[in-house]
PDB file of N, CA and C in Angstrom:
ATOM      1  N   MET A   1      26.169 -14.893  14.125  1.00  0.00           N
ATOM      2  CA  MET A   1      25.776 -15.395  12.828  1.00  0.00           C
ATOM      3  C   MET A   1      24.382 -16.000  12.929  1.00  0.00           C
ATOM      4  N   LYS A   2      23.569 -15.731  11.923  1.00  0.00           N
ATOM      5  CA  LYS A   2      22.191 -16.176  11.942  1.00  0.00           C
ATOM      6  C   LYS A   2      22.103 -17.678  11.697  1.00  0.00           C
ATOM      7  N   ASP A   3      21.248 -18.323  12.459  1.00  0.00           N
ATOM      8  CA  ASP A   3      21.001 -19.747  12.311  1.00  0.00           C
ATOM      9  C   ASP A   3      20.192 -19.966  11.035  1.00  0.00           C
ATOM     10  N   HIS A   4      20.692 -20.796  10.123  1.00  0.00           N
ATOM     11  CA  HIS A   4      20.017 -21.022   8.853  1.00  0.00           C
ATOM     12  C   HIS A   4      19.118 -22.255   8.872  1.00  0.00           C
ATOM     13  N   LYS A   5      18.884 -22.821  10.045  1.00  0.00           N
ATOM     14  CA  LYS A   5      17.967 -23.945  10.133  1.00  0.00           C
ATOM     15  C   LYS A   5      16.559 -23.449   9.862  1.00  0.00           C
ATOM     16  N   LYS A   6      15.756 -24.320   9.270  1.00  0.00           N
ATOM     17  CA  LYS A   6      14.382 -23.955   8.956  1.00  0.00           C
ATOM     18  C   LYS A   6      13.576 -23.908  10.250  1.00  0.00           C
ATOM     19  N   HIS A   7      12.909 -22.784  10.469  1.00  0.00           N
ATOM     20  CA  HIS A   7      12.080 -22.614  11.661  1.00  0.00           C
ATOM     21  C   HIS A   7      10.624 -22.813  11.283  1.00  0.00           C
ATOM     22  N   GLY A   8       9.899 -23.549  12.109  1.00  0.00           N
ATOM     23  CA  GLY A   8       8.481 -23.761  11.835  1.00  0.00           C
ATOM     24  C   GLY A   8       8.318 -24.309  10.433  1.00  0.00           C
ATOM     25  N   ILE A   9       7.465 -23.664   9.675  1.00  0.00           N
ATOM     26  CA  ILE A   9       7.258 -24.093   8.291  1.00  0.00           C
ATOM     27  C   ILE A   9       7.716 -23.025   7.301  1.00  0.00           C
ATOM     28  N   GLY A  10       8.663 -22.201   7.725  1.00  0.00           N
ATOM     29  CA  GLY A  10       9.280 -21.255   6.819  1.00  0.00           C
ATOM     30  C   GLY A  10       8.573 -19.926   6.697  1.00  0.00           C
ATOM     31  N   PHE A  11       7.870 -19.502   7.739  1.00  0.00           N
ATOM     32  CA  PHE A  11       7.168 -18.222   7.674  1.00  0.00           C
ATOM     33  C   PHE A  11       8.122 -17.066   7.393  1.00  0.00           C
ATOM     34  N   GLU A  12       9.301 -17.107   7.987  1.00  0.00           N
ATOM     35  CA  GLU A  12      10.270 -16.027   7.781  1.00  0.00           C
ATOM     36  C   GLU A  12      10.618 -15.899   6.300  1.00  0.00           C
ATOM     37  N   PHE A  13      10.838 -17.030   5.635  1.00  0.00           N
ATOM     38  CA  PHE A  13      11.172 -17.018   4.212  1.00  0.00           C
ATOM     39  C   PHE A  13       9.980 -16.548   3.384  1.00  0.00           C
ATOM     40  N   ALA A  14       8.798 -17.006   3.761  1.00  0.00           N
ATOM     41  CA  ALA A  14       7.591 -16.626   3.028  1.00  0.00           C
ATOM     42  C   ALA A  14       7.339 -15.126   3.134  1.00  0.00           C
ATOM     43  N   PHE A  15       7.444 -14.589   4.335  1.00  0.00           N
ATOM     44  CA  PHE A  15       7.227 -13.150   4.508  1.00  0.00           C
ATOM     45  C   PHE A  15       8.315 -12.340   3.796  1.00  0.00           C
ATOM     46  N   ASN A  16       9.525 -12.865   3.778  1.00  0.00           N
ATOM     47  CA  ASN A  16      10.585 -12.198   3.035  1.00  0.00           C
ATOM     48  C   ASN A  16      10.271 -12.194   1.540  1.00  0.00           C
ATOM     49  N   GLY A  17       9.730 -13.300   1.045  1.00  0.00           N
ATOM     50  CA  GLY A  17       9.330 -13.368  -0.361  1.00  0.00           C
ATOM     51  C   GLY A  17       8.261 -12.338  -0.693  1.00  0.00           C
ATOM     52  N   LEU A  18       7.289 -12.187   0.193  1.00  0.00           N
ATOM     53  CA  LEU A  18       6.253 -11.160  -0.011  1.00  0.00           C
ATOM     54  C   LEU A  18       6.864  -9.767   0.003  1.00  0.00           C
ATOM     55  N   LYS A  19       7.797  -9.549   0.938  1.00  0.00           N
ATOM     56  CA  LYS A  19       8.467  -8.246   1.025  1.00  0.00           C
ATOM     57  C   LYS A  19       9.248  -7.957  -0.258  1.00  0.00           C
ATOM     58  N   GLU A  20       9.996  -8.941  -0.733  1.00  0.00           N
ATOM     59  CA  GLU A  20      10.779  -8.761  -1.963  1.00  0.00           C
ATOM     60  C   GLU A  20       9.866  -8.479  -3.155  1.00  0.00           C
ATOM     61  N   ALA A  21       8.767  -9.215  -3.250  1.00  0.00           N
ATOM     62  CA  ALA A  21       7.825  -8.984  -4.347  1.00  0.00           C
ATOM     63  C   ALA A  21       7.257  -7.571  -4.259  1.00  0.00           C
ATOM     64  N   PHE A  22       6.925  -7.130  -3.054  1.00  0.00           N
ATOM     65  CA  PHE A  22       6.373  -5.791  -2.868  1.00  0.00           C
ATOM     66  C   PHE A  22       7.394  -4.723  -3.255  1.00  0.00           C
ATOM     67  N   ILE A  23       8.626  -4.908  -2.820  1.00  0.00           N
ATOM     68  CA  ILE A  23       9.672  -3.911  -3.082  1.00  0.00           C
ATOM     69  C   ILE A  23      10.051  -3.883  -4.562  1.00  0.00           C
ATOM     70  N   ARG A  24      10.184  -5.046  -5.188  1.00  0.00           N
ATOM     71  CA  ARG A  24      10.772  -5.133  -6.520  1.00  0.00           C
ATOM     72  C   ARG A  24       9.767  -5.179  -7.677  1.00  0.00           C
ATOM     73  N   GLU A  25       8.516  -5.508  -7.388  1.00  0.00           N
ATOM     74  CA  GLU A  25       7.556  -5.737  -8.469  1.00  0.00           C
ATOM     75  C   GLU A  25       6.421  -4.720  -8.438  1.00  0.00           C
ATOM     76  N   ARG A  26       6.466  -3.784  -9.382  1.00  0.00           N
ATOM     77  CA  ARG A  26       5.448  -2.734  -9.465  1.00  0.00           C
ATOM     78  C   ARG A  26       4.050  -3.327  -9.648  1.00  0.00           C
ATOM     79  N   ASN A  27       3.928  -4.344 -10.506  1.00  0.00           N
ATOM     80  CA  ASN A  27       2.607  -4.936 -10.748  1.00  0.00           C
ATOM     81  C   ASN A  27       2.037  -5.585  -9.492  1.00  0.00           C
ATOM     82  N   PHE A  28       2.894  -6.177  -8.670  1.00  0.00           N
ATOM     83  CA  PHE A  28       2.420  -6.770  -7.418  1.00  0.00           C
ATOM     84  C   PHE A  28       1.857  -5.679  -6.510  1.00  0.00           C
ATOM     85  N   ARG A  29       2.542  -4.535  -6.454  1.00  0.00           N
ATOM     86  CA  ARG A  29       2.041  -3.408  -5.644  1.00  0.00           C
ATOM     87  C   ARG A  29       0.707  -2.901  -6.185  1.00  0.00           C
ATOM     88  N   ILE A  30       0.579  -2.840  -7.501  1.00  0.00           N
ATOM     89  CA  ILE A  30      -0.685  -2.406  -8.095  1.00  0.00           C
ATOM     90  C   ILE A  30      -1.803  -3.373  -7.729  1.00  0.00           C
ATOM     91  N   HIS A  31      -1.539  -4.668  -7.835  1.00  0.00           N
ATOM     92  CA  HIS A  31      -2.556  -5.673  -7.483  1.00  0.00           C
ATOM     93  C   HIS A  31      -2.934  -5.573  -6.007  1.00  0.00           C
ATOM     94  N   LEU A  32      -1.953  -5.319  -5.140  1.00  0.00           N
ATOM     95  CA  LEU A  32      -2.262  -5.150  -3.713  1.00  0.00           C
ATOM     96  C   LEU A  32      -3.102  -3.905  -3.464  1.00  0.00           C
ATOM     97  N   LEU A  33      -2.816  -2.830  -4.175  1.00  0.00           N
ATOM     98  CA  LEU A  33      -3.612  -1.609  -4.041  1.00  0.00           C
ATOM     99  C   LEU A  33      -5.058  -1.865  -4.471  1.00  0.00           C
ATOM    100  N   VAL A  34      -5.235  -2.503  -5.617  1.00  0.00           N
ATOM    101  CA  VAL A  34      -6.581  -2.818  -6.087  1.00  0.00           C
ATOM    102  C   VAL A  34      -7.282  -3.753  -5.103  1.00  0.00           C
ATOM    103  N   ALA A  35      -6.565  -4.752  -4.588  1.00  0.00           N
ATOM    104  CA  ALA A  35      -7.146  -5.667  -3.610  1.00  0.00           C
ATOM    105  C   ALA A  35      -7.601  -4.916  -2.363  1.00  0.00           C
ATOM    106  N   THR A  36      -6.797  -3.966  -1.912  1.00  0.00           N
ATOM    107  CA  THR A  36      -7.160  -3.166  -0.735  1.00  0.00           C
ATOM    108  C   THR A  36      -8.428  -2.368  -1.001  1.00  0.00           C
ATOM    109  N   LEU A  37      -8.522  -1.756  -2.168  1.00  0.00           N
ATOM    110  CA  LEU A  37      -9.727  -1.000  -2.527  1.00  0.00           C
ATOM    111  C   LEU A  37     -10.951  -1.911  -2.611  1.00  0.00           C
ATOM    112  N   VAL A  38     -10.768  -3.110  -3.146  1.00  0.00           N
ATOM    113  CA  VAL A  38     -11.870  -4.071  -3.241  1.00  0.00           C
ATOM    114  C   VAL A  38     -12.327  -4.502  -1.844  1.00  0.00           C
ATOM    115  N   VAL A  39     -11.390  -4.724  -0.941  1.00  0.00           N
ATOM    116  CA  VAL A  39     -11.756  -5.106   0.436  1.00  0.00           C
ATOM    117  C   VAL A  39     -12.512  -3.969   1.113  1.00  0.00           C
ATOM    118  N   ILE A  40     -12.053  -2.743   0.939  1.00  0.00           N
ATOM    119  CA  ILE A  40     -12.753  -1.591   1.521  1.00  0.00           C
ATOM    120  C   ILE A  40     -14.171  -1.511   0.962  1.00  0.00           C
ATOM    121  N   MET A  41     -14.302  -1.653  -0.353  1.00  0.00           N
ATOM    122  CA  MET A  41     -15.618  -1.620  -0.991  1.00  0.00           C
ATOM    123  C   MET A  41     -16.494  -2.768  -0.493  1.00  0.00           C
ATOM    124  N   SER A  42     -15.881  -3.910  -0.239  1.00  0.00           N
ATOM    125  CA  SER A  42     -16.636  -5.065   0.265  1.00  0.00           C
ATOM    126  C   SER A  42     -17.224  -4.787   1.638  1.00  0.00           C
ATOM    127  N   PHE A  43     -16.459  -4.100   2.489  1.00  0.00           N
ATOM    128  CA  PHE A  43     -16.981  -3.713   3.803  1.00  0.00           C
ATOM    129  C   PHE A  43     -18.114  -2.693   3.653  1.00  0.00           C
ATOM    130  N   ILE A  44     -17.911  -1.721   2.801  1.00  0.00           N
ATOM    131  CA  ILE A  44     -18.916  -0.663   2.605  1.00  0.00           C
ATOM    132  C   ILE A  44     -20.233  -1.256   2.096  1.00  0.00           C
ATOM    133  N   LEU A  45     -20.138  -2.187   1.149  1.00  0.00           N
ATOM    134  CA  LEU A  45     -21.338  -2.774   0.548  1.00  0.00           C
ATOM    135  C   LEU A  45     -21.886  -3.964   1.335  1.00  0.00           C
ATOM    136  N   LYS A  46     -21.237  -4.301   2.450  1.00  0.00           N
ATOM    137  CA  LYS A  46     -21.700  -5.362   3.349  1.00  0.00           C
ATOM    138  C   LYS A  46     -21.980  -6.680   2.609  1.00  0.00           C
ATOM    139  N   LEU A  47     -20.924  -7.234   2.063  1.00  0.00           N
ATOM    140  CA  LEU A  47     -21.052  -8.486   1.328  1.00  0.00           C
ATOM    141  C   LEU A  47     -21.470  -9.630   2.238  1.00  0.00           C
ATOM    142  N   SER A  48     -22.141 -10.599   1.656  1.00  0.00           N
ATOM    143  CA  SER A  48     -22.484 -11.821   2.387  1.00  0.00           C
ATOM    144  C   SER A  48     -21.228 -12.678   2.535  1.00  0.00           C
ATOM    145  N   LYS A  49     -21.338 -13.720   3.332  1.00  0.00           N
ATOM    146  CA  LYS A  49     -20.183 -14.616   3.518  1.00  0.00           C
ATOM    147  C   LYS A  49     -19.752 -15.253   2.198  1.00  0.00           C
ATOM    148  N   VAL A  50     -20.716 -15.678   1.412  1.00  0.00           N
ATOM    149  CA  VAL A  50     -20.393 -16.316   0.128  1.00  0.00           C
ATOM    150  C   VAL A  50     -19.747 -15.305  -0.819  1.00  0.00           C
ATOM    151  N   GLU A  51     -20.269 -14.081  -0.853  1.00  0.00           N
ATOM    152  CA  GLU A  51     -19.667 -13.052  -1.692  1.00  0.00           C
ATOM    153  C   GLU A  51     -18.241 -12.756  -1.253  1.00  0.00           C
ATOM    154  N   TRP A  52     -18.025 -12.682   0.061  1.00  0.00           N
ATOM    155  CA  TRP A  52     -16.667 -12.473   0.592  1.00  0.00           C
ATOM    156  C   TRP A  52     -15.734 -13.591   0.132  1.00  0.00           C
ATOM    157  N   LEU A  53     -16.219 -14.824   0.176  1.00  0.00           N
ATOM    158  CA  LEU A  53     -15.374 -15.950  -0.247  1.00  0.00           C
ATOM    159  C   LEU A  53     -14.945 -15.798  -1.704  1.00  0.00           C
ATOM    160  N   PHE A  54     -15.885 -15.417  -2.562  1.00  0.00           N
ATOM    161  CA  PHE A  54     -15.538 -15.228  -3.971  1.00  0.00           C
ATOM    162  C   PHE A  54     -14.556 -14.081  -4.154  1.00  0.00           C
ATOM    163  N   VAL A  55     -14.759 -13.002  -3.431  1.00  0.00           N
ATOM    164  CA  VAL A  55     -13.849 -11.849  -3.534  1.00  0.00           C
ATOM    165  C   VAL A  55     -12.455 -12.240  -3.057  1.00  0.00           C
ATOM    166  N   ILE A  56     -12.386 -12.921  -1.936  1.00  0.00           N
ATOM    167  CA  ILE A  56     -11.082 -13.342  -1.399  1.00  0.00           C
ATOM    168  C   ILE A  56     -10.391 -14.319  -2.355  1.00  0.00           C
ATOM    169  N   LEU A  57     -11.150 -15.253  -2.916  1.00  0.00           N
ATOM    170  CA  LEU A  57     -10.559 -16.191  -3.881  1.00  0.00           C
ATOM    171  C   LEU A  57     -10.063 -15.465  -5.135  1.00  0.00           C
ATOM    172  N   ALA A  58     -10.815 -14.475  -5.587  1.00  0.00           N
ATOM    173  CA  ALA A  58     -10.392 -13.710  -6.767  1.00  0.00           C
ATOM    174  C   ALA A  58      -9.104 -12.944  -6.472  1.00  0.00           C
ATOM    175  N   ILE A  59      -9.036 -12.305  -5.317  1.00  0.00           N
ATOM    176  CA  ILE A  59      -7.825 -11.574  -4.928  1.00  0.00           C
ATOM    177  C   ILE A  59      -6.648 -12.532  -4.835  1.00  0.00           C
ATOM    178  N   GLN A  60      -6.859 -13.659  -4.180  1.00  0.00           N
ATOM    179  CA  GLN A  60      -5.793 -14.646  -4.022  1.00  0.00           C
ATOM    180  C   GLN A  60      -5.322 -15.152  -5.376  1.00  0.00           C
ATOM    181  N   MET A  61      -6.255 -15.373  -6.289  1.00  0.00           N
ATOM    182  CA  MET A  61      -5.916 -15.894  -7.607  1.00  0.00           C
ATOM    183  C   MET A  61      -4.997 -14.916  -8.354  1.00  0.00           C
ATOM    184  N   VAL A  62      -5.305 -13.632  -8.290  1.00  0.00           N
ATOM    185  CA  VAL A  62      -4.493 -12.634  -8.994  1.00  0.00           C
ATOM    186  C   VAL A  62      -3.108 -12.502  -8.348  1.00  0.00           C
ATOM    187  N   LEU A  63      -3.076 -12.418  -7.022  1.00  0.00           N
ATOM    188  CA  LEU A  63      -1.782 -12.280  -6.332  1.00  0.00           C
ATOM    189  C   LEU A  63      -0.909 -13.516  -6.561  1.00  0.00           C
ATOM    190  N   PHE A  64      -1.533 -14.681  -6.500  1.00  0.00           N
ATOM    191  CA  PHE A  64      -0.805 -15.928  -6.744  1.00  0.00           C
ATOM    192  C   PHE A  64      -0.249 -15.949  -8.167  1.00  0.00           C
ATOM    193  N   ALA A  65      -1.071 -15.579  -9.138  1.00  0.00           N
ATOM    194  CA  ALA A  65      -0.629 -15.566 -10.530  1.00  0.00           C
ATOM    195  C   ALA A  65       0.533 -14.589 -10.718  1.00  0.00           C
ATOM    196  N   GLU A  66       0.443 -13.428 -10.083  1.00  0.00           N
ATOM    197  CA  GLU A  66       1.516 -12.429 -10.204  1.00  0.00           C
ATOM    198  C   GLU A  66       2.821 -12.957  -9.610  1.00  0.00           C
ATOM    199  N   LEU A  67       2.732 -13.639  -8.481  1.00  0.00           N
ATOM    200  CA  LEU A  67       3.942 -14.206  -7.871  1.00  0.00           C
ATOM    201  C   LEU A  67       4.543 -15.305  -8.733  1.00  0.00           C
ATOM    202  N   VAL A  68       3.695 -16.164  -9.299  1.00  0.00           N
ATOM    203  CA  VAL A  68       4.191 -17.229 -10.180  1.00  0.00           C
ATOM    204  C   VAL A  68       4.856 -16.618 -11.411  1.00  0.00           C
ATOM    205  N   ASN A  69       4.242 -15.590 -11.971  1.00  0.00           N
ATOM    206  CA  ASN A  69       4.830 -14.905 -13.123  1.00  0.00           C
ATOM    207  C   ASN A  69       6.180 -14.287 -12.758  1.00  0.00           C
ATOM    208  N   THR A  70       6.260 -13.698 -11.596  1.00  0.00           N
ATOM    209  CA  THR A  70       7.514 -13.096 -11.141  1.00  0.00           C
ATOM    210  C   THR A  70       8.606 -14.158 -11.012  1.00  0.00           C
ATOM    211  N   ILE A  71       8.248 -15.298 -10.447  1.00  0.00           N
ATOM    212  CA  ILE A  71       9.217 -16.394 -10.327  1.00  0.00           C
ATOM    213  C   ILE A  71       9.720 -16.809 -11.707  1.00  0.00           C
ATOM    214  N   ALA A  72       8.808 -17.008 -12.647  1.00  0.00           N
ATOM    215  CA  ALA A  72       9.197 -17.432 -13.995  1.00  0.00           C
ATOM    216  C   ALA A  72      10.128 -16.397 -14.628  1.00  0.00           C
ATOM    217  N   GLU A  73       9.778 -15.121 -14.506  1.00  0.00           N
ATOM    218  CA  GLU A  73      10.617 -14.074 -15.093  1.00  0.00           C
ATOM    219  C   GLU A  73      12.009 -14.052 -14.466  1.00  0.00           C
ATOM    220  N   ARG A  74      12.064 -14.165 -13.151  1.00  0.00           N
ATOM    221  CA  ARG A  74      13.367 -14.135 -12.463  1.00  0.00           C
ATOM    222  C   ARG A  74      14.230 -15.337 -12.848  1.00  0.00           C
ATOM    223  N   ILE A  75      13.617 -16.500 -12.936  1.00  0.00           N
ATOM    224  CA  ILE A  75      14.380 -17.702 -13.312  1.00  0.00           C
ATOM    225  C   ILE A  75      14.913 -17.554 -14.738  1.00  0.00           C
ATOM    226  N   ILE A  76      14.061 -17.104 -15.641  1.00  0.00           N
ATOM    227  CA  ILE A  76      14.486 -16.923 -17.031  1.00  0.00           C
ATOM    228  C   ILE A  76      15.613 -15.898 -17.114  1.00  0.00           C
ATOM    229  N   ASP A  77      15.468 -14.769 -16.416  1.00  0.00           N
ATOM    230  CA  ASP A  77      16.508 -13.738 -16.441  1.00  0.00           C
ATOM    231  C   ASP A  77      17.824 -14.258 -15.872  1.00  0.00           C
ATOM    232  N   HIS A  78      17.733 -15.158 -14.910  1.00  0.00           N
ATOM    233  CA  HIS A  78      18.942 -15.721 -14.303  1.00  0.00           C
ATOM    234  C   HIS A  78      19.608 -16.737 -15.245  1.00  0.00           C
ATOM    235  N   ILE A  79      18.791 -17.617 -15.806  1.00  0.00           N
ATOM    236  CA  ILE A  79      19.325 -18.688 -16.644  1.00  0.00           C
ATOM    237  C   ILE A  79      19.710 -18.187 -18.034  1.00  0.00           C
ATOM    238  N   LYS A  80      18.902 -17.305 -18.581  1.00  0.00           N
ATOM    239  CA  LYS A  80      19.082 -16.862 -19.964  1.00  0.00           C
ATOM    240  C   LYS A  80      18.953 -15.344 -20.041  1.00  0.00           C
ATOM    241  N   PRO A  81      19.955 -14.602 -19.526  1.00  0.00           N
ATOM    242  CA  PRO A  81      19.841 -13.141 -19.490  1.00  0.00           C
ATOM    243  C   PRO A  81      19.791 -12.494 -20.878  1.00  0.00           C
ATOM    244  N   GLU A  82      20.357 -13.168 -21.880  1.00  0.00           N
ATOM    245  CA  GLU A  82      20.295 -12.599 -23.229  1.00  0.00           C
ATOM    246  C   GLU A  82      18.916 -12.893 -23.836  1.00  0.00           C
ATOM    247  N   ILE A  83      18.547 -12.103 -24.835  1.00  0.00           N
ATOM    248  CA  ILE A  83      17.243 -12.279 -25.479  1.00  0.00           C
ATOM    249  C   ILE A  83      17.223 -13.609 -26.221  1.00  0.00           C
ATOM    250  N   HIS A  84      16.167 -14.368 -25.986  1.00  0.00           N
ATOM    251  CA  HIS A  84      16.019 -15.674 -26.622  1.00  0.00           C
ATOM    252  C   HIS A  84      14.537 -15.899 -26.896  1.00  0.00           C
ATOM    253  N   PRO A  85      14.190 -16.458 -28.052  1.00  0.00           N
ATOM    254  CA  PRO A  85      12.765 -16.646 -28.386  1.00  0.00           C
ATOM    255  C   PRO A  85      12.007 -17.482 -27.349  1.00  0.00           C
ATOM    256  N   ASN A  86      12.620 -18.533 -26.838  1.00  0.00           N
ATOM    257  CA  ASN A  86      11.937 -19.368 -25.837  1.00  0.00           C
ATOM    258  C   ASN A  86      11.736 -18.621 -24.521  1.00  0.00           C
ATOM    259  N   ALA A  87      12.704 -17.793 -24.151  1.00  0.00           N
ATOM    260  CA  ALA A  87      12.570 -16.998 -22.935  1.00  0.00           C
ATOM    261  C   ALA A  87      11.384 -16.045 -23.064  1.00  0.00           C
ATOM    262  N   LYS A  88      11.238 -15.438 -24.230  1.00  0.00           N
ATOM    263  CA  LYS A  88      10.122 -14.531 -24.472  1.00  0.00           C
ATOM    264  C   LYS A  88       8.796 -15.281 -24.380  1.00  0.00           C
ATOM    265  N   ILE A  89       8.718 -16.450 -24.957  1.00  0.00           N
ATOM    266  CA  ILE A  89       7.486 -17.245 -24.930  1.00  0.00           C
ATOM    267  C   ILE A  89       7.113 -17.586 -23.488  1.00  0.00           C
ATOM    268  N   ILE A  90       8.096 -18.001 -22.706  1.00  0.00           N
ATOM    269  CA  ILE A  90       7.836 -18.340 -21.308  1.00  0.00           C
ATOM    270  C   ILE A  90       7.324 -17.124 -20.558  1.00  0.00           C
ATOM    271  N   LYS A  91       7.960 -15.984 -20.748  1.00  0.00           N
ATOM    272  CA  LYS A  91       7.527 -14.758 -20.070  1.00  0.00           C
ATOM    273  C   LYS A  91       6.138 -14.332 -20.533  1.00  0.00           C
ATOM    274  N   ASP A  92       5.864 -14.469 -21.819  1.00  0.00           N
ATOM    275  CA  ASP A  92       4.550 -14.103 -22.340  1.00  0.00           C
ATOM    276  C   ASP A  92       3.456 -15.003 -21.761  1.00  0.00           C
ATOM    277  N   ILE A  93       3.739 -16.282 -21.636  1.00  0.00           N
ATOM    278  CA  ILE A  93       2.759 -17.202 -21.057  1.00  0.00           C
ATOM    279  C   ILE A  93       2.535 -16.865 -19.583  1.00  0.00           C
ATOM    280  N   GLY A  94       3.601 -16.533 -18.874  1.00  0.00           N
ATOM    281  CA  GLY A  94       3.448 -16.103 -17.478  1.00  0.00           C
ATOM    282  C   GLY A  94       2.570 -14.869 -17.366  1.00  0.00           C
ATOM    283  N   ALA A  95       2.776 -13.911 -18.272  1.00  0.00           N
ATOM    284  CA  ALA A  95       1.941 -12.705 -18.284  1.00  0.00           C
ATOM    285  C   ALA A  95       0.493 -13.058 -18.613  1.00  0.00           C
ATOM    286  N   ALA A  96       0.291 -14.039 -19.483  1.00  0.00           N
ATOM    287  CA  ALA A  96      -1.062 -14.473 -19.835  1.00  0.00           C
ATOM    288  C   ALA A  96      -1.787 -15.071 -18.626  1.00  0.00           C
ATOM    289  N   ILE A  97      -1.054 -15.771 -17.773  1.00  0.00           N
ATOM    290  CA  ILE A  97      -1.649 -16.326 -16.548  1.00  0.00           C
ATOM    291  C   ILE A  97      -2.201 -15.195 -15.691  1.00  0.00           C
ATOM    292  N   VAL A  98      -1.416 -14.143 -15.528  1.00  0.00           N
ATOM    293  CA  VAL A  98      -1.862 -12.993 -14.729  1.00  0.00           C
ATOM    294  C   VAL A  98      -3.054 -12.323 -15.397  1.00  0.00           C
ATOM    295  N   LEU A  99      -2.990 -12.149 -16.712  1.00  0.00           N
ATOM    296  CA  LEU A  99      -4.084 -11.519 -17.442  1.00  0.00           C
ATOM    297  C   LEU A  99      -5.390 -12.288 -17.255  1.00  0.00           C
ATOM    298  N   LEU A 100      -5.342 -13.606 -17.391  1.00  0.00           N
ATOM    299  CA  LEU A 100      -6.556 -14.420 -17.209  1.00  0.00           C
ATOM    300  C   LEU A 100      -7.080 -14.336 -15.779  1.00  0.00           C
ATOM    301  N   ALA A 101      -6.182 -14.394 -14.811  1.00  0.00           N
ATOM    302  CA  ALA A 101      -6.605 -14.287 -13.409  1.00  0.00           C
ATOM    303  C   ALA A 101      -7.278 -12.940 -13.165  1.00  0.00           C
ATOM    304  N   ALA A 102      -6.680 -11.873 -13.675  1.00  0.00           N
ATOM    305  CA  ALA A 102      -7.254 -10.543 -13.498  1.00  0.00           C
ATOM    306  C   ALA A 102      -8.592 -10.431 -14.222  1.00  0.00           C
ATOM    307  N   PHE A 103      -8.675 -10.940 -15.438  1.00  0.00           N
ATOM    308  CA  PHE A 103      -9.913 -10.885 -16.215  1.00  0.00           C
ATOM    309  C   PHE A 103     -11.057 -11.581 -15.485  1.00  0.00           C
ATOM    310  N   PHE A 104     -10.806 -12.801 -15.016  1.00  0.00           N
ATOM    311  CA  PHE A 104     -11.868 -13.534 -14.330  1.00  0.00           C
ATOM    312  C   PHE A 104     -12.194 -12.919 -12.971  1.00  0.00           C
ATOM    313  N   SER A 105     -11.215 -12.286 -12.351  1.00  0.00           N
ATOM    314  CA  SER A 105     -11.483 -11.568 -11.103  1.00  0.00           C
ATOM    315  C   SER A 105     -12.398 -10.371 -11.350  1.00  0.00           C
ATOM    316  N   VAL A 106     -12.191  -9.694 -12.466  1.00  0.00           N
ATOM    317  CA  VAL A 106     -13.075  -8.573 -12.820  1.00  0.00           C
ATOM    318  C   VAL A 106     -14.500  -9.081 -13.044  1.00  0.00           C
ATOM    319  N   ILE A 107     -14.639 -10.210 -13.710  1.00  0.00           N
ATOM    320  CA  ILE A 107     -15.973 -10.785 -13.925  1.00  0.00           C
ATOM    321  C   ILE A 107     -16.637 -11.099 -12.588  1.00  0.00           C
ATOM    322  N   ILE A 108     -15.881 -11.702 -11.682  1.00  0.00           N
ATOM    323  CA  ILE A 108     -16.417 -11.998 -10.342  1.00  0.00           C
ATOM    324  C   ILE A 108     -16.801 -10.698  -9.645  1.00  0.00           C
ATOM    325  N   GLY A 109     -15.934  -9.705  -9.721  1.00  0.00           N
ATOM    326  CA  GLY A 109     -16.217  -8.415  -9.095  1.00  0.00           C
ATOM    327  C   GLY A 109     -17.464  -7.758  -9.658  1.00  0.00           C
ATOM    328  N   LEU A 110     -17.604  -7.777 -10.976  1.00  0.00           N
ATOM    329  CA  LEU A 110     -18.798  -7.192 -11.590  1.00  0.00           C
ATOM    330  C   LEU A 110     -20.064  -7.921 -11.155  1.00  0.00           C
ATOM    331  N   ALA A 111     -19.995  -9.245 -11.113  1.00  0.00           N
ATOM    332  CA  ALA A 111     -21.171 -10.029 -10.711  1.00  0.00           C
ATOM    333  C   ALA A 111     -21.587  -9.722  -9.275  1.00  0.00           C
ATOM    334  N   ILE A 112     -20.628  -9.446  -8.416  1.00  0.00           N
ATOM    335  CA  ILE A 112     -20.926  -9.187  -7.007  1.00  0.00           C
ATOM    336  C   ILE A 112     -21.246  -7.711  -6.766  1.00  0.00           C
ATOM    337  N   PHE A 113     -20.418  -6.817  -7.290  1.00  0.00           N
ATOM    338  CA  PHE A 113     -20.537  -5.401  -6.942  1.00  0.00           C
ATOM    339  C   PHE A 113     -21.551  -4.622  -7.777  1.00  0.00           C
ATOM    340  N   LEU A 114     -21.679  -4.955  -9.042  1.00  0.00           N
ATOM    341  CA  LEU A 114     -22.556  -4.170  -9.910  1.00  0.00           C
ATOM    342  C   LEU A 114     -24.009  -4.135  -9.429  1.00  0.00           C
ATOM    343  N   PRO A 115     -24.612  -5.277  -9.093  1.00  0.00           N
ATOM    344  CA  PRO A 115     -25.995  -5.219  -8.591  1.00  0.00           C
ATOM    345  C   PRO A 115     -26.125  -4.377  -7.313  1.00  0.00           C
ATOM    346  N   LYS A 116     -25.145  -4.463  -6.446  1.00  0.00           N
ATOM    347  CA  LYS A 116     -25.174  -3.688  -5.192  1.00  0.00           C
ATOM    348  C   LYS A 116     -25.050  -2.195  -5.464  1.00  0.00           C
ATOM    349  N   ILE A 117     -24.179  -1.842  -6.388  1.00  0.00           N
ATOM    350  CA  ILE A 117     -24.013  -0.427  -6.735  1.00  0.00           C
ATOM    351  C   ILE A 117     -25.254   0.112  -7.418  1.00  0.00           C
ATOM    352  N   ILE A 118     -25.833  -0.676  -8.318  1.00  0.00           N
ATOM    353  CA  ILE A 118     -27.065  -0.269  -9.008  1.00  0.00           C
ATOM    354  C   ILE A 118     -28.188  -0.056  -7.996  1.00  0.00           C
ATOM    355  N   ASN A 119     -28.276  -0.916  -6.981  1.00  0.00           N
ATOM    356  CA  ASN A 119     -29.321  -0.778  -5.945  1.00  0.00           C
ATOM    357  C   ASN A 119     -29.139   0.495  -5.133  1.00  0.00           C
ATOM    358  N   LEU A 120     -27.913   0.983  -5.036  1.00  0.00           N
ATOM    359  CA  LEU A 120     -27.673   2.222  -4.286  1.00  0.00           C
ATOM    360  C   LEU A 120     -28.118   3.453  -5.064  1.00  0.00           C
ATOM    361  N   LEU A 121     -28.183   3.329  -6.383  1.00  0.00           N
ATOM    362  CA  LEU A 121     -28.533   4.482  -7.230  1.00  0.00           C
ATOM    363  C   LEU A 121     -29.996   4.725  -7.289  1.00  0.00           C
TER     364      LEU A 121
END
């Protein structure tokens, strides 16, 4: 039988959470795919350290927002599986968090990548 004592600071649980999000959440997989493409592009365009920091923060912001939204949706579905106006509002606000994170990440990406791409042309 597996020991259920907390090991270290819970890396096993955290990695399991990432695995579950990857397996169960299509949007999380999409965000990871886009993040991977952005990282590849960042290497190709040889970003500065400061540019890398902004790119990494933007990626983290979107992934974090998606995970928080997933948590909210799962809790609502568990507590209130039937359709309810408040449940919809909570889910919509969670989706808005992801939308804003993605929107501002695109702005950061454009500010960093667009000048570099234009210089290549």
